[in-house]
């Protein structure tokens, strides 16, 4: 650590980084936090706080991961270099600068780069990789994290986030870099002259919009429905507004204050559509104009949040609820049109509600479970395309990520914003809201209730605490939770499920640091350290035929989990 710190002290850094280093000179703990490691790069990419140091997001740590990616692309030959890398970025601080740094490192290796001239949604990056037949893609974003964060995500030639085997190859190349300050870069103007760099603009926007329009249903809907949309200062602004207009929705009102693309996110403390606070301004506007539906996208427009007027106030749908609604709507429409395949499949994660699985079963559609992360869903889509074993119909996860059509291979809030508006308008034509339809589904399939407990663990000590929590649970496995017997423990770190009688079976999914406890009545609890945030997450799912009973059960299990973690 001291060696790295001293190395940074000796460099002529940009003034804003130099000032940070100088200010930390007498703070031993601050120096340790900044230099005890390099910002880690994993399957979720690289994400961290902006600032000076190896454990911060800055031009030097960006160059390091870009250099690792460059060496990976070069190792795959001249064809890979010629196909090149697409680079996009959101509206965060330094996103444009980091995109340019990435291009300059890749270009120095003779790798062709395509860079968007302005911010674009993450799903559009995935689409563009596929559209241009590029070898890889990069998006500079920290998704829904607070303003002090930024990140770096890498996509493969399928337009999907990297799975562990590819990540490990890039990490190995990064480990070979001895001097972060000696990484070679080339001026963008020089790359342009060499024909190695292309700026991307409206041609790709139009191509993406054309694909979005293929989602438009043929059913008669209430296009006069009033909708409020907020991009939360992010990159969803243009494609969502243009898409809704192209779908025929004429009464879409924008939260103007949040349409300003600003990395400070001045109107929200946390630009996350999962949070009620992010909808505050949309709710004010909605009440003013009498809107039935509110939609919000996060800064890179891969996550979507929805709120519905219940007659007295706006009620936020959870990711599990919206996923179930969308799934039922999509399958119903296909069934009506005699377009439901006999080998249809819905893909969800192991921490997503079983609500969707029982809905799919009604339509004769299979459900495939993956680990958390759309990279695993994209892997399934590619597998099904090769084997024809299943026809992909829909994929989603509880954390507000959904994918309908596979011209994108990551969660796509733009696609879903358009389809949610259509779905809401369809039910409005029948005199129903999405909440009415959700209640109908509960009555038919049972009251599936879920909860998420997130505990924040910042810094080096926080990482150690998270490891200790999982280690302690493995050492002292609970026999029951909330007086419900644990019938099976799925430990994805070792790839084994252990039954109450001690028998075991192998888990088919990749290994990851996740524990899932299956309880006697079908309830479940999962524990997972986040791959992109300094959090440990505790997921809970219960079901009962009666609403009140399900809610009481959920509360009992929540309290038991909190006690268990203590």
Protein backbone atom coordinates (compact mmCIF):
# COMPACT_ATOMS: atom_id res chain seq x y z
CA UNK A 1 0.00 0.00 0.00
CA UNK A 2 2.75 2.50 0.94
CA UNK A 3 4.57 1.72 -2.29
CA UNK A 4 1.49 2.57 -4.35
CA UNK A 5 0.82 5.72 -2.32
CA UNK A 6 4.40 6.92 -2.74
CA UNK A 7 4.21 6.20 -6.45
CA UNK A 8 1.19 8.48 -6.73
CA UNK A 9 2.92 11.18 -4.67
CA UNK A 10 5.77 11.25 -7.20
CA UNK A 11 3.51 11.76 -10.22
CA UNK A 12 2.45 15.00 -11.87
CA UNK A 13 -1.28 14.45 -11.54
CA UNK A 14 -4.16 16.64 -12.72
CA UNK A 15 -4.72 19.34 -10.10
CA UNK A 16 -8.02 17.93 -8.81
CA UNK A 17 -6.33 14.58 -8.06
CA UNK A 18 -3.15 16.22 -6.75
CA UNK A 19 -5.20 18.21 -4.24
CA UNK A 20 -6.93 15.08 -2.95
CA UNK A 21 -3.63 13.27 -2.45
CA UNK A 22 -2.16 16.29 -0.65
CA UNK A 23 -5.19 16.56 1.63
CA UNK A 24 -4.87 12.92 2.75
CA UNK A 25 -1.17 13.08 3.67
CA UNK A 26 -1.78 13.03 7.45
CA UNK A 27 -4.81 10.70 7.47
CA UNK A 28 -3.56 7.13 7.70
CA UNK A 29 -7.04 5.58 7.47
CA UNK A 30 -7.92 7.67 4.42
CA UNK A 31 -4.69 6.64 2.70
CA UNK A 32 -5.44 2.98 3.43
CA UNK A 33 -8.97 3.29 1.99
CA UNK A 34 -7.62 4.84 -1.19
CA UNK A 35 -4.69 2.45 -1.71
CA UNK A 36 -5.29 -0.90 -0.01
CA UNK A 37 -6.38 -2.39 -3.36
CA UNK A 38 -7.16 -1.55 -6.97
CA UNK A 39 -10.87 -1.03 -7.68
CA UNK A 40 -11.99 -4.60 -8.25
CA UNK A 41 -13.12 -5.73 -11.68
CA UNK A 42 -15.68 -8.52 -11.81
CA UNK A 43 -18.69 -9.79 -13.74
CA UNK A 44 -20.52 -6.55 -12.92
CA UNK A 45 -17.55 -4.59 -14.23
CA UNK A 46 -15.78 -2.03 -12.10
CA UNK A 47 -17.59 0.47 -9.91
CA UNK A 48 -16.34 2.83 -7.22
CA UNK A 49 -16.11 6.29 -5.75
CA UNK A 50 -14.53 9.00 -7.89
CA UNK A 51 -11.21 10.35 -6.67
CA UNK A 52 -7.44 9.87 -6.35
CA UNK A 53 -5.96 6.48 -5.53
CA UNK A 54 -5.92 2.91 -6.75
CA UNK A 55 -9.22 2.16 -4.99
CA UNK A 56 -10.97 5.07 -6.71
CA UNK A 57 -12.37 5.75 -10.15
CA UNK A 58 -10.04 8.10 -12.05
CA UNK A 59 -8.30 8.33 -15.42
CA UNK A 60 -5.47 6.03 -14.26
CA UNK A 61 -7.63 3.20 -12.94
CA UNK A 62 -9.73 3.54 -16.11
CA UNK A 63 -6.58 3.23 -18.22
CA UNK A 64 -5.61 0.12 -16.25
CA UNK A 65 -8.85 -1.73 -16.98
CA UNK A 66 -8.86 -0.44 -20.58
CA UNK A 67 -5.32 -1.79 -20.98
CA UNK A 68 -6.45 -5.18 -19.66
CA UNK A 69 -9.32 -5.19 -22.15
CA UNK A 70 -6.98 -4.11 -24.97
CA UNK A 71 -4.59 -6.99 -24.27
CA UNK A 72 -7.55 -9.39 -24.16
CA UNK A 73 -8.81 -8.18 -27.56
CA UNK A 74 -5.28 -8.36 -29.08
CA UNK A 75 -4.86 -11.90 -27.79
CA UNK A 76 -7.87 -12.86 -29.90
CA UNK A 77 -6.24 -11.78 -33.16
CA UNK A 78 -6.41 -9.20 -35.91
CA UNK A 79 -10.05 -9.91 -36.70
CA UNK A 80 -11.02 -9.01 -33.13
CA UNK A 81 -9.01 -5.76 -33.37
CA UNK A 82 -10.65 -4.86 -36.67
CA UNK A 83 -14.18 -5.56 -35.42
CA UNK A 84 -13.36 -3.24 -32.57
CA UNK A 85 -14.99 -1.99 -29.39
CA UNK A 86 -18.09 0.22 -29.00
CA UNK A 87 -17.97 2.77 -26.15
CA UNK A 88 -20.97 4.51 -24.59
CA UNK A 89 -21.44 6.48 -21.39
CA UNK A 90 -24.12 7.98 -19.19
CA UNK A 91 -24.50 11.47 -17.68
CA UNK A 92 -22.29 11.02 -14.61
CA UNK A 93 -19.27 13.08 -13.66
CA UNK A 94 -16.26 12.12 -15.82
CA UNK A 95 -18.28 9.65 -17.93
CA UNK A 96 -17.31 11.36 -21.19
CA UNK A 97 -13.66 11.74 -20.06
CA UNK A 98 -13.44 8.08 -19.05
CA UNK A 99 -14.94 7.03 -22.40
CA UNK A 100 -12.28 9.04 -24.23
CA UNK A 101 -9.49 7.60 -22.05
CA UNK A 102 -10.75 4.11 -22.83
CA UNK A 103 -10.74 4.86 -26.56
CA UNK A 104 -7.22 6.30 -26.39
CA UNK A 105 -5.84 3.17 -24.70
CA UNK A 106 -7.60 0.74 -27.02
CA UNK A 107 -6.62 2.77 -30.07
CA UNK A 108 -2.97 2.76 -29.01
CA UNK A 109 -3.09 -1.02 -29.52
CA UNK A 110 -4.47 -0.65 -33.04
CA UNK A 111 -7.97 -1.62 -31.95
CA UNK A 112 -10.82 0.09 -33.77
CA UNK A 113 -13.14 2.09 -31.50
CA UNK A 114 -16.65 3.45 -31.95
CA UNK A 115 -17.60 6.19 -29.47
CA UNK A 116 -20.99 7.82 -29.01
CA UNK A 117 -20.89 11.60 -29.31
CA UNK A 118 -23.32 12.04 -26.40
CA UNK A 119 -24.68 9.98 -23.52
CA UNK A 120 -26.68 6.87 -24.43
CA UNK A 121 -28.52 4.18 -22.42
CA UNK A 122 -26.67 1.03 -21.47
CA UNK A 123 -29.12 -1.17 -23.44
CA UNK A 124 -28.36 0.87 -26.57
CA UNK A 125 -24.68 0.02 -26.10
CA UNK A 126 -25.62 -3.67 -26.07
CA UNK A 127 -27.71 -3.18 -29.21
CA UNK A 128 -24.91 -1.28 -30.97
CA UNK A 129 -22.32 -3.99 -30.31
CA UNK A 130 -24.61 -6.45 -32.06
CA UNK A 131 -25.60 -4.02 -34.84
CA UNK A 132 -21.98 -3.20 -35.74
CA UNK A 133 -20.75 -6.77 -35.22
CA UNK A 134 -18.15 -5.36 -32.83
CA UNK A 135 -15.95 -7.65 -30.78
CA UNK A 136 -16.74 -5.98 -27.45
CA UNK A 137 -18.39 -3.00 -25.83
CA UNK A 138 -17.80 -0.70 -22.88
CA UNK A 139 -20.23 1.53 -21.05
CA UNK A 140 -19.10 4.09 -18.50
CA UNK A 141 -21.79 4.14 -15.80
CA UNK A 142 -22.47 3.46 -12.14
CA UNK A 143 -26.12 2.73 -12.93
CA UNK A 144 -28.29 3.93 -10.02
CA UNK A 145 -25.51 4.63 -7.50
CA UNK A 146 -25.17 8.10 -5.89
CA UNK A 147 -23.38 10.94 -7.67
CA UNK A 148 -19.92 10.27 -6.19
CA UNK A 149 -19.71 6.94 -8.09
CA UNK A 150 -18.82 5.92 -11.60
CA UNK A 151 -18.04 2.61 -13.25
CA UNK A 152 -16.82 0.61 -16.24
CA UNK A 153 -18.79 -2.33 -17.68
CA UNK A 154 -17.56 -4.60 -20.46
CA UNK A 155 -19.73 -6.43 -22.99
CA UNK A 156 -18.88 -9.37 -25.24
CA UNK A 157 -19.60 -9.77 -28.95
CA UNK A 158 -23.15 -10.93 -28.14
CA UNK A 159 -23.81 -7.59 -26.43
CA UNK A 160 -23.92 -9.30 -23.03
CA UNK A 161 -22.02 -8.47 -19.85
CA UNK A 162 -19.01 -10.70 -19.38
CA UNK A 163 -19.33 -14.01 -17.57
CA UNK A 164 -16.58 -15.12 -15.13
CA UNK A 165 -14.30 -16.93 -17.61
CA UNK A 166 -13.89 -13.79 -19.74
CA UNK A 167 -13.55 -11.55 -16.69
CA UNK A 168 -10.76 -13.75 -15.37
CA UNK A 169 -8.87 -13.38 -18.66
CA UNK A 170 -9.05 -9.57 -18.47
CA UNK A 171 -8.10 -9.56 -14.78
CA UNK A 172 -5.06 -11.69 -15.60
CA UNK A 173 -3.94 -9.11 -18.17
CA UNK A 174 -4.53 -6.29 -15.67
CA UNK A 175 -2.34 -8.08 -13.12
CA UNK A 176 0.56 -7.97 -15.59
CA UNK A 177 0.58 -4.15 -15.60
CA UNK A 178 3.47 -3.06 -13.41
CA UNK A 179 3.21 0.71 -13.78
CA UNK A 180 -0.24 2.24 -14.08
CA UNK A 181 1.33 5.54 -15.15
CA UNK A 182 3.24 3.99 -18.06
CA UNK A 183 0.14 2.86 -19.98
CA UNK A 184 0.37 4.18 -23.54
CA UNK A 185 -2.44 6.33 -24.92
CA UNK A 186 -3.02 7.93 -28.32
CA UNK A 187 -4.75 11.25 -29.00
CA UNK A 188 -8.27 10.79 -30.37
CA UNK A 189 -7.55 13.11 -33.29
CA UNK A 190 -4.68 10.87 -34.29
CA UNK A 191 -6.89 7.79 -34.05
CA UNK A 192 -9.42 9.50 -36.32
CA UNK A 193 -6.70 10.26 -38.86
CA UNK A 194 -5.61 6.61 -38.76
CA UNK A 195 -9.18 5.46 -39.36
CA UNK A 196 -9.25 3.71 -35.99
CA UNK A 197 -11.95 5.87 -34.41
CA UNK A 198 -15.55 6.56 -35.43
CA UNK A 199 -17.95 8.90 -33.64
CA UNK A 200 -21.48 7.44 -33.45
CA UNK A 201 -24.66 9.48 -33.70
CA UNK A 202 -28.22 9.47 -34.99
CA UNK A 203 -27.90 6.56 -37.45
CA UNK A 204 -27.61 4.11 -34.58
CA UNK A 205 -30.32 5.95 -32.62
CA UNK A 206 -32.72 5.45 -35.53
CA UNK A 207 -31.79 1.78 -35.86
CA UNK A 208 -32.46 1.25 -32.14
CA UNK A 209 -35.81 3.06 -32.38
CA UNK A 210 -36.83 0.89 -35.34
CA UNK A 211 -36.20 -2.20 -33.24
CA UNK A 212 -38.16 -0.71 -30.32
CA UNK A 213 -41.15 -0.25 -32.60
CA UNK A 214 -41.27 -4.01 -33.22
CA UNK A 215 -42.56 -4.33 -29.64
CA UNK A 216 -45.73 -2.40 -30.46
CA UNK A 217 -48.80 -4.59 -30.04
CA UNK A 218 -51.73 -4.73 -32.42
CA UNK A 219 -54.41 -4.57 -29.74
CA UNK A 220 -56.63 -1.52 -29.30
CA UNK A 221 -55.44 0.52 -26.33
CA UNK A 222 -56.33 3.80 -24.63
CA UNK A 223 -53.70 6.04 -26.19
CA UNK A 224 -55.19 9.11 -24.48
CA UNK A 225 -53.91 7.86 -21.11
CA UNK A 226 -51.88 10.47 -19.22
CA UNK A 227 -48.32 9.42 -18.42
CA UNK A 228 -45.53 11.18 -16.50
CA UNK A 229 -41.95 10.24 -17.31
CA UNK A 230 -38.74 11.16 -15.49
CA UNK A 231 -35.25 10.17 -16.70
CA UNK A 232 -33.77 11.20 -13.31
CA UNK A 233 -31.18 13.40 -15.08
CA UNK A 234 -30.00 10.41 -17.11
CA UNK A 235 -29.57 8.98 -20.59
CA UNK A 236 -33.11 7.63 -21.04
CA UNK A 237 -34.55 11.03 -21.96
CA UNK A 238 -34.48 10.89 -25.77
CA UNK A 239 -35.19 7.21 -26.54
CA UNK A 240 -38.04 6.86 -24.03
CA UNK A 241 -39.76 10.09 -25.15
CA UNK A 242 -39.32 9.27 -28.83
CA UNK A 243 -40.45 5.69 -28.26
CA UNK A 244 -43.64 6.66 -26.41
CA UNK A 245 -44.49 9.14 -29.13
CA UNK A 246 -43.87 6.53 -31.83
CA UNK A 247 -46.14 4.12 -29.93
CA UNK A 248 -48.88 6.74 -30.26
CA UNK A 249 -48.97 8.17 -26.73
CA UNK A 250 -49.67 11.90 -27.06
CA UNK A 251 -50.24 12.83 -23.42
CA UNK A 252 -46.78 12.18 -22.02
CA UNK A 253 -45.58 14.83 -19.56
CA UNK A 254 -41.89 15.15 -18.71
CA UNK A 255 -40.57 16.15 -15.30
CA UNK A 256 -38.65 19.08 -16.77
CA UNK A 257 -36.38 19.62 -13.75
CA UNK A 258 -35.19 16.00 -14.02
CA UNK A 259 -34.81 16.09 -17.81
CA UNK A 260 -31.59 18.08 -17.37
CA UNK A 261 -28.72 15.64 -17.90
CA UNK A 262 -26.66 16.44 -14.82
CA UNK A 263 -24.26 14.13 -12.96
CA UNK A 264 -24.98 15.97 -9.71
CA UNK A 265 -28.53 14.57 -9.80
CA UNK A 266 -29.61 17.84 -8.15
CA UNK A 267 -33.24 16.89 -7.48
CA UNK A 268 -32.61 13.46 -5.91
CA UNK A 269 -30.18 12.15 -3.33
CA UNK A 270 -30.22 8.69 -4.89
CA UNK A 271 -31.16 8.37 -8.61
CA UNK A 272 -32.73 4.95 -8.17
CA UNK A 273 -36.25 4.22 -9.50
CA UNK A 274 -36.60 1.55 -6.81
CA UNK A 275 -36.84 4.35 -4.22
CA UNK A 276 -40.03 6.29 -3.51
CA UNK A 277 -38.02 9.52 -3.07
CA UNK A 278 -36.98 9.36 -6.73
CA UNK A 279 -40.66 9.66 -7.69
CA UNK A 280 -41.42 12.69 -5.53
CA UNK A 281 -41.40 15.25 -8.36
CA UNK A 282 -43.14 12.88 -10.76
CA UNK A 283 -45.89 12.38 -8.20
CA UNK A 284 -46.35 16.13 -7.79
CA UNK A 285 -46.69 16.57 -11.54
CA UNK A 286 -48.89 13.51 -11.82
CA UNK A 287 -51.39 14.84 -9.27
CA UNK A 288 -51.40 18.21 -11.00
CA UNK A 289 -52.33 16.80 -14.42
CA UNK A 290 -54.27 13.70 -13.31
CA UNK A 291 -51.82 11.12 -14.66
CA UNK A 292 -52.67 7.44 -14.26
CA UNK A 293 -49.11 6.18 -14.70
CA UNK A 294 -45.64 7.35 -13.67
CA UNK A 295 -42.46 5.83 -15.10
CA UNK A 296 -38.82 6.50 -14.16
CA UNK A 297 -35.52 5.25 -15.56
CA UNK A 298 -32.19 5.28 -13.75
CA UNK A 299 -29.21 7.31 -15.11
CA UNK A 300 -28.12 4.69 -17.66
CA UNK A 301 -31.71 3.61 -18.43
CA UNK A 302 -31.39 -0.09 -17.77
CA UNK A 303 -33.74 -0.12 -14.75
CA UNK A 304 -37.37 0.98 -14.74
CA UNK A 305 -39.62 1.99 -11.85
CA UNK A 306 -43.41 2.40 -12.11
CA UNK A 307 -46.02 4.06 -9.90
CA UNK A 308 -49.80 3.77 -10.36
CA UNK A 309 -52.63 6.00 -9.13
CA UNK A 310 -54.77 4.06 -6.64
CA UNK A 311 -57.52 6.66 -6.26
CA UNK A 312 -55.89 8.51 -3.38
CA UNK A 313 -52.13 8.44 -4.03
CA UNK A 314 -49.46 6.89 -6.20
CA UNK A 315 -48.39 3.36 -5.33
CA UNK A 316 -45.00 2.04 -6.41
CA UNK A 317 -44.83 -1.41 -7.94
CA UNK A 318 -41.97 -3.64 -6.86
CA UNK A 319 -39.72 -5.26 -9.44
CA UNK A 320 -41.36 -8.61 -8.71
CA UNK A 321 -44.85 -7.18 -9.16
CA UNK A 322 -44.10 -5.40 -12.43
CA UNK A 323 -42.31 -8.50 -13.72
CA UNK A 324 -45.38 -10.66 -12.98
CA UNK A 325 -47.71 -8.14 -14.64
CA UNK A 326 -45.57 -7.89 -17.76
CA UNK A 327 -45.16 -11.64 -18.01
CA UNK A 328 -48.90 -12.29 -17.74
CA UNK A 329 -49.66 -9.55 -20.29
CA UNK A 330 -47.05 -10.74 -22.80
CA UNK A 331 -48.13 -14.38 -22.56
CA UNK A 332 -51.84 -13.46 -22.76
CA UNK A 333 -51.28 -11.40 -25.91
CA UNK A 334 -49.28 -14.21 -27.55
CA UNK A 335 -51.96 -16.73 -26.60
CA UNK A 336 -54.71 -14.55 -28.09
CA UNK A 337 -52.74 -14.29 -31.32
CA UNK A 338 -51.99 -18.05 -31.36
CA UNK A 339 -48.31 -17.10 -31.22
CA UNK A 340 -47.36 -18.85 -27.98
CA UNK A 341 -44.61 -21.39 -28.75
CA UNK A 342 -44.83 -24.90 -27.33
CA UNK A 343 -41.29 -24.60 -25.96
CA UNK A 344 -41.53 -21.11 -24.43
CA UNK A 345 -39.40 -20.16 -21.44
CA UNK A 346 -39.17 -17.26 -19.01
CA UNK A 347 -35.82 -16.61 -17.34
CA UNK A 348 -35.48 -15.18 -13.84
CA UNK A 349 -32.91 -15.09 -11.06
CA UNK A 350 -32.78 -17.26 -7.94
CA UNK A 351 -33.66 -14.21 -5.78
CA UNK A 352 -36.69 -13.25 -7.87
CA UNK A 353 -40.23 -14.16 -6.73
CA UNK A 354 -41.81 -17.47 -7.69
CA UNK A 355 -44.92 -15.50 -8.69
CA UNK A 356 -43.76 -15.37 -12.30
CA UNK A 357 -43.01 -19.10 -12.37
CA UNK A 358 -46.58 -20.06 -11.44
CA UNK A 359 -47.99 -17.61 -14.00
CA UNK A 360 -45.74 -19.10 -16.68
CA UNK A 361 -46.85 -22.61 -15.71
CA UNK A 362 -50.48 -21.70 -16.39
CA UNK A 363 -49.55 -20.88 -20.00
CA UNK A 364 -47.46 -24.03 -20.40
CA UNK A 365 -44.26 -21.99 -20.32
CA UNK A 366 -41.13 -23.24 -18.54
CA UNK A 367 -39.08 -21.20 -16.07
CA UNK A 368 -35.29 -21.17 -15.97
CA UNK A 369 -33.44 -19.78 -12.95
CA UNK A 370 -30.04 -18.09 -13.11
CA UNK A 371 -27.69 -16.39 -10.69
CA UNK A 372 -28.21 -12.67 -10.19
CA UNK A 373 -27.19 -10.60 -13.19
CA UNK A 374 -28.43 -10.28 -16.75
CA UNK A 375 -25.13 -11.69 -18.01
CA UNK A 376 -26.43 -15.10 -17.01
CA UNK A 377 -29.77 -14.48 -18.69
CA UNK A 378 -27.97 -13.41 -21.87
CA UNK A 379 -25.98 -16.63 -21.66
CA UNK A 380 -29.25 -18.58 -21.54
CA UNK A 381 -30.65 -16.68 -24.54
CA UNK A 382 -27.54 -17.50 -26.58
CA UNK A 383 -27.73 -21.14 -25.49
CA UNK A 384 -31.39 -21.43 -26.54
CA UNK A 385 -30.63 -19.86 -29.92
CA UNK A 386 -28.01 -22.55 -30.57
CA UNK A 387 -29.91 -25.56 -29.23
CA UNK A 388 -33.56 -24.59 -29.99
CA UNK A 389 -34.41 -26.28 -26.69
CA UNK A 390 -36.51 -23.28 -25.65
CA UNK A 391 -37.89 -20.09 -27.17
CA UNK A 392 -37.10 -17.10 -24.97
CA UNK A 393 -40.18 -15.03 -24.11
CA UNK A 394 -39.22 -12.76 -21.22
CA UNK A 395 -36.51 -12.30 -18.60
CA UNK A 396 -36.47 -10.28 -15.40
CA UNK A 397 -34.99 -9.83 -11.95
CA UNK A 398 -36.42 -8.33 -8.78
CA UNK A 399 -34.08 -5.32 -8.93
CA UNK A 400 -36.17 -3.59 -11.63
CA UNK A 401 -34.44 -5.14 -14.63
CA UNK A 402 -36.42 -6.60 -17.57
CA UNK A 403 -35.81 -7.70 -21.15
CA UNK A 404 -38.50 -8.46 -23.72
CA UNK A 405 -36.90 -8.67 -27.17
CA UNK A 406 -33.38 -9.99 -27.63
CA UNK A 407 -31.95 -7.35 -29.97
CA UNK A 408 -30.53 -6.20 -26.62
CA UNK A 409 -28.74 -8.65 -24.31
CA UNK A 410 -29.01 -6.71 -21.07
CA UNK A 411 -31.89 -5.30 -19.09
CA UNK A 412 -33.59 -2.58 -21.10
CA UNK A 413 -35.71 0.08 -19.38
CA UNK A 414 -36.45 1.72 -22.73
CA UNK A 415 -38.13 -1.39 -24.13
CA UNK A 416 -40.07 -1.91 -20.95
CA UNK A 417 -41.18 1.72 -20.52
CA UNK A 418 -42.95 1.47 -23.87
CA UNK A 419 -44.49 -1.91 -23.15
CA UNK A 420 -45.63 -0.90 -19.65
CA UNK A 421 -47.39 2.13 -21.12
CA UNK A 422 -49.10 -0.13 -23.66
CA UNK A 423 -50.06 -2.63 -20.95
CA UNK A 424 -51.48 0.09 -18.68
CA UNK A 425 -53.43 1.54 -21.59
CA UNK A 426 -54.79 -1.90 -22.47
CA UNK A 427 -56.19 -2.39 -18.98
CA UNK A 428 -57.38 1.24 -18.83
CA UNK A 429 -59.53 0.49 -21.88
CA UNK A 430 -61.20 -2.16 -19.71
CA UNK A 431 -61.65 0.25 -16.80
CA UNK A 432 -58.79 -1.27 -14.81
CA UNK A 433 -55.48 -0.01 -13.46
CA UNK A 434 -52.33 -2.09 -13.17
CA UNK A 435 -53.11 -2.37 -9.45
CA UNK A 436 -56.51 -3.89 -10.27
CA UNK A 437 -54.86 -6.40 -12.58
CA UNK A 438 -52.21 -7.22 -9.97
CA UNK A 439 -54.90 -7.94 -7.41
CA UNK A 440 -56.62 -10.26 -9.91
CA UNK A 441 -53.36 -12.17 -10.34
CA UNK A 442 -52.94 -12.44 -6.57
CA UNK A 443 -56.44 -13.83 -6.21
CA UNK A 444 -55.79 -16.39 -8.93
CA UNK A 445 -52.28 -17.51 -8.04
CA UNK A 446 -51.82 -16.59 -4.37
CA UNK A 447 -50.37 -13.60 -2.52
CA UNK A 448 -46.65 -13.67 -3.21
CA UNK A 449 -44.90 -11.17 -0.97
CA UNK A 450 -41.21 -10.26 -0.99
CA UNK A 451 -38.80 -8.10 0.97
CA UNK A 452 -35.21 -6.97 0.62
CA UNK A 453 -32.98 -5.98 3.52
CA UNK A 454 -29.78 -4.19 2.46
CA UNK A 455 -26.96 -3.51 4.89
CA UNK A 456 -24.18 -1.14 3.83
CA UNK A 457 -20.53 -2.08 4.48
CA UNK A 458 -18.20 0.67 3.30
CA UNK A 459 -14.45 0.35 2.82
CA UNK A 460 -11.96 -2.37 3.68
CA UNK A 461 -13.51 -3.09 7.08
CA UNK A 462 -16.92 -3.38 5.45
CA UNK A 463 -15.68 -6.01 3.00
CA UNK A 464 -14.26 -8.02 5.90
CA UNK A 465 -17.57 -7.75 7.79
CA UNK A 466 -19.53 -9.04 4.80
CA UNK A 467 -17.22 -12.03 4.48
CA UNK A 468 -17.64 -12.70 8.19
CA UNK A 469 -21.46 -12.70 7.91
CA UNK A 470 -21.44 -15.37 5.19
CA UNK A 471 -18.75 -17.38 6.97
CA UNK A 472 -20.72 -17.29 10.22
CA UNK A 473 -23.92 -18.42 8.51
CA UNK A 474 -22.09 -21.33 6.91
CA UNK A 475 -20.57 -22.31 10.23
CA UNK A 476 -23.87 -22.03 12.13
CA UNK A 477 -26.56 -23.00 9.62
CA UNK A 478 -30.03 -22.21 11.02
CA UNK A 479 -32.34 -25.21 11.45
CA UNK A 480 -35.41 -22.98 11.27
CA UNK A 481 -36.32 -19.39 10.44
CA UNK A 482 -39.42 -17.81 12.03
CA UNK A 483 -40.41 -21.28 13.31
CA UNK A 484 -40.38 -22.61 9.75
CA UNK A 485 -38.07 -25.60 9.27
CA UNK A 486 -35.20 -25.15 6.82
CA UNK A 487 -35.73 -28.03 4.40
CA UNK A 488 -32.80 -27.27 2.14
CA UNK A 489 -29.74 -24.99 2.06
CA UNK A 490 -28.42 -24.08 -1.37
CA UNK A 491 -24.80 -22.96 -1.10
CA UNK A 492 -23.74 -21.62 -4.48
CA UNK A 493 -20.16 -21.03 -3.33
CA UNK A 494 -19.59 -24.79 -3.26
CA UNK A 495 -22.34 -25.73 -5.73
CA UNK A 496 -24.24 -27.99 -3.32
CA UNK A 497 -27.79 -28.18 -1.96
CA UNK A 498 -27.99 -29.87 1.44
CA UNK A 499 -31.32 -31.33 2.63
CA UNK A 500 -32.47 -31.43 6.25
CA UNK A 501 -31.62 -35.14 6.39
CA UNK A 502 -28.02 -34.44 5.31
CA UNK A 503 -28.32 -35.69 1.75
CA UNK A 504 -26.89 -33.45 -0.96
CA UNK A 505 -27.31 -32.70 -4.64
CA UNK A 506 -25.23 -30.69 -7.08
CA UNK A 507 -26.43 -27.25 -8.13
CA UNK A 508 -26.28 -26.68 -11.87
CA UNK A 509 -25.50 -22.95 -11.73
CA UNK A 510 -22.01 -21.37 -11.62
CA UNK A 511 -20.36 -20.90 -8.25
CA UNK A 512 -21.00 -17.61 -6.45
CA UNK A 513 -21.03 -16.45 -2.83
CA UNK A 514 -24.78 -16.90 -2.24
CA UNK A 515 -26.76 -18.85 0.36
CA UNK A 516 -30.43 -19.70 -0.08
CA UNK A 517 -32.58 -21.28 2.63
CA UNK A 518 -35.71 -23.13 1.45
CA UNK A 519 -38.36 -23.33 4.17
CA UNK A 520 -41.05 -25.92 4.80
CA UNK A 521 -44.01 -23.93 3.41
CA UNK A 522 -42.27 -22.77 0.22
CA UNK A 523 -40.94 -19.56 1.75
CA UNK A 524 -37.28 -18.78 1.21
CA UNK A 525 -34.43 -16.52 2.33
CA UNK A 526 -31.31 -15.73 0.31
CA UNK A 527 -28.12 -13.94 1.40
CA UNK A 528 -25.84 -12.34 -1.18
CA UNK A 529 -23.08 -9.73 -1.10
CA UNK A 530 -23.72 -7.24 -3.91
CA UNK A 531 -21.35 -7.42 -6.85
CA UNK A 532 -21.58 -3.70 -7.60
CA UNK A 533 -22.27 -1.95 -4.28
CA UNK A 534 -20.80 -2.16 -0.75
CA UNK A 535 -23.89 -3.98 0.50
CA UNK A 536 -24.95 -7.35 1.80
CA UNK A 537 -28.46 -8.19 0.63
CA UNK A 538 -31.01 -10.43 2.32
CA UNK A 539 -33.90 -11.50 0.07
CA UNK A 540 -37.15 -12.94 1.43
CA UNK A 541 -40.08 -14.56 -0.38
CA UNK A 542 -43.33 -15.94 1.06
CA UNK A 543 -46.77 -16.94 -0.23
CA UNK A 544 -50.22 -17.51 1.21
CA UNK A 545 -53.69 -17.77 -0.25
CA UNK A 546 -54.81 -14.89 2.00
CA UNK A 547 -53.29 -11.41 1.73
CA UNK A 548 -53.15 -10.65 5.45
CA UNK A 549 -51.62 -14.03 6.25
CA UNK A 550 -48.92 -13.52 3.61
CA UNK A 551 -48.08 -10.06 4.97
CA UNK A 552 -47.86 -11.35 8.55
CA UNK A 553 -45.67 -14.25 7.47
CA UNK A 554 -43.37 -11.86 5.59
CA UNK A 555 -43.00 -9.66 8.66
CA UNK A 556 -42.19 -12.65 10.89
CA UNK A 557 -39.51 -13.92 8.51
CA UNK A 558 -38.05 -10.41 8.16
CA UNK A 559 -37.69 -10.08 11.93
CA UNK A 560 -36.14 -13.53 12.18
CA UNK A 561 -33.60 -12.67 9.48
CA UNK A 562 -32.63 -9.44 11.24
CA UNK A 563 -32.10 -11.37 14.48
CA UNK A 564 -30.14 -14.05 12.64
CA UNK A 565 -27.79 -11.45 11.16
CA UNK A 566 -27.17 -9.81 14.53
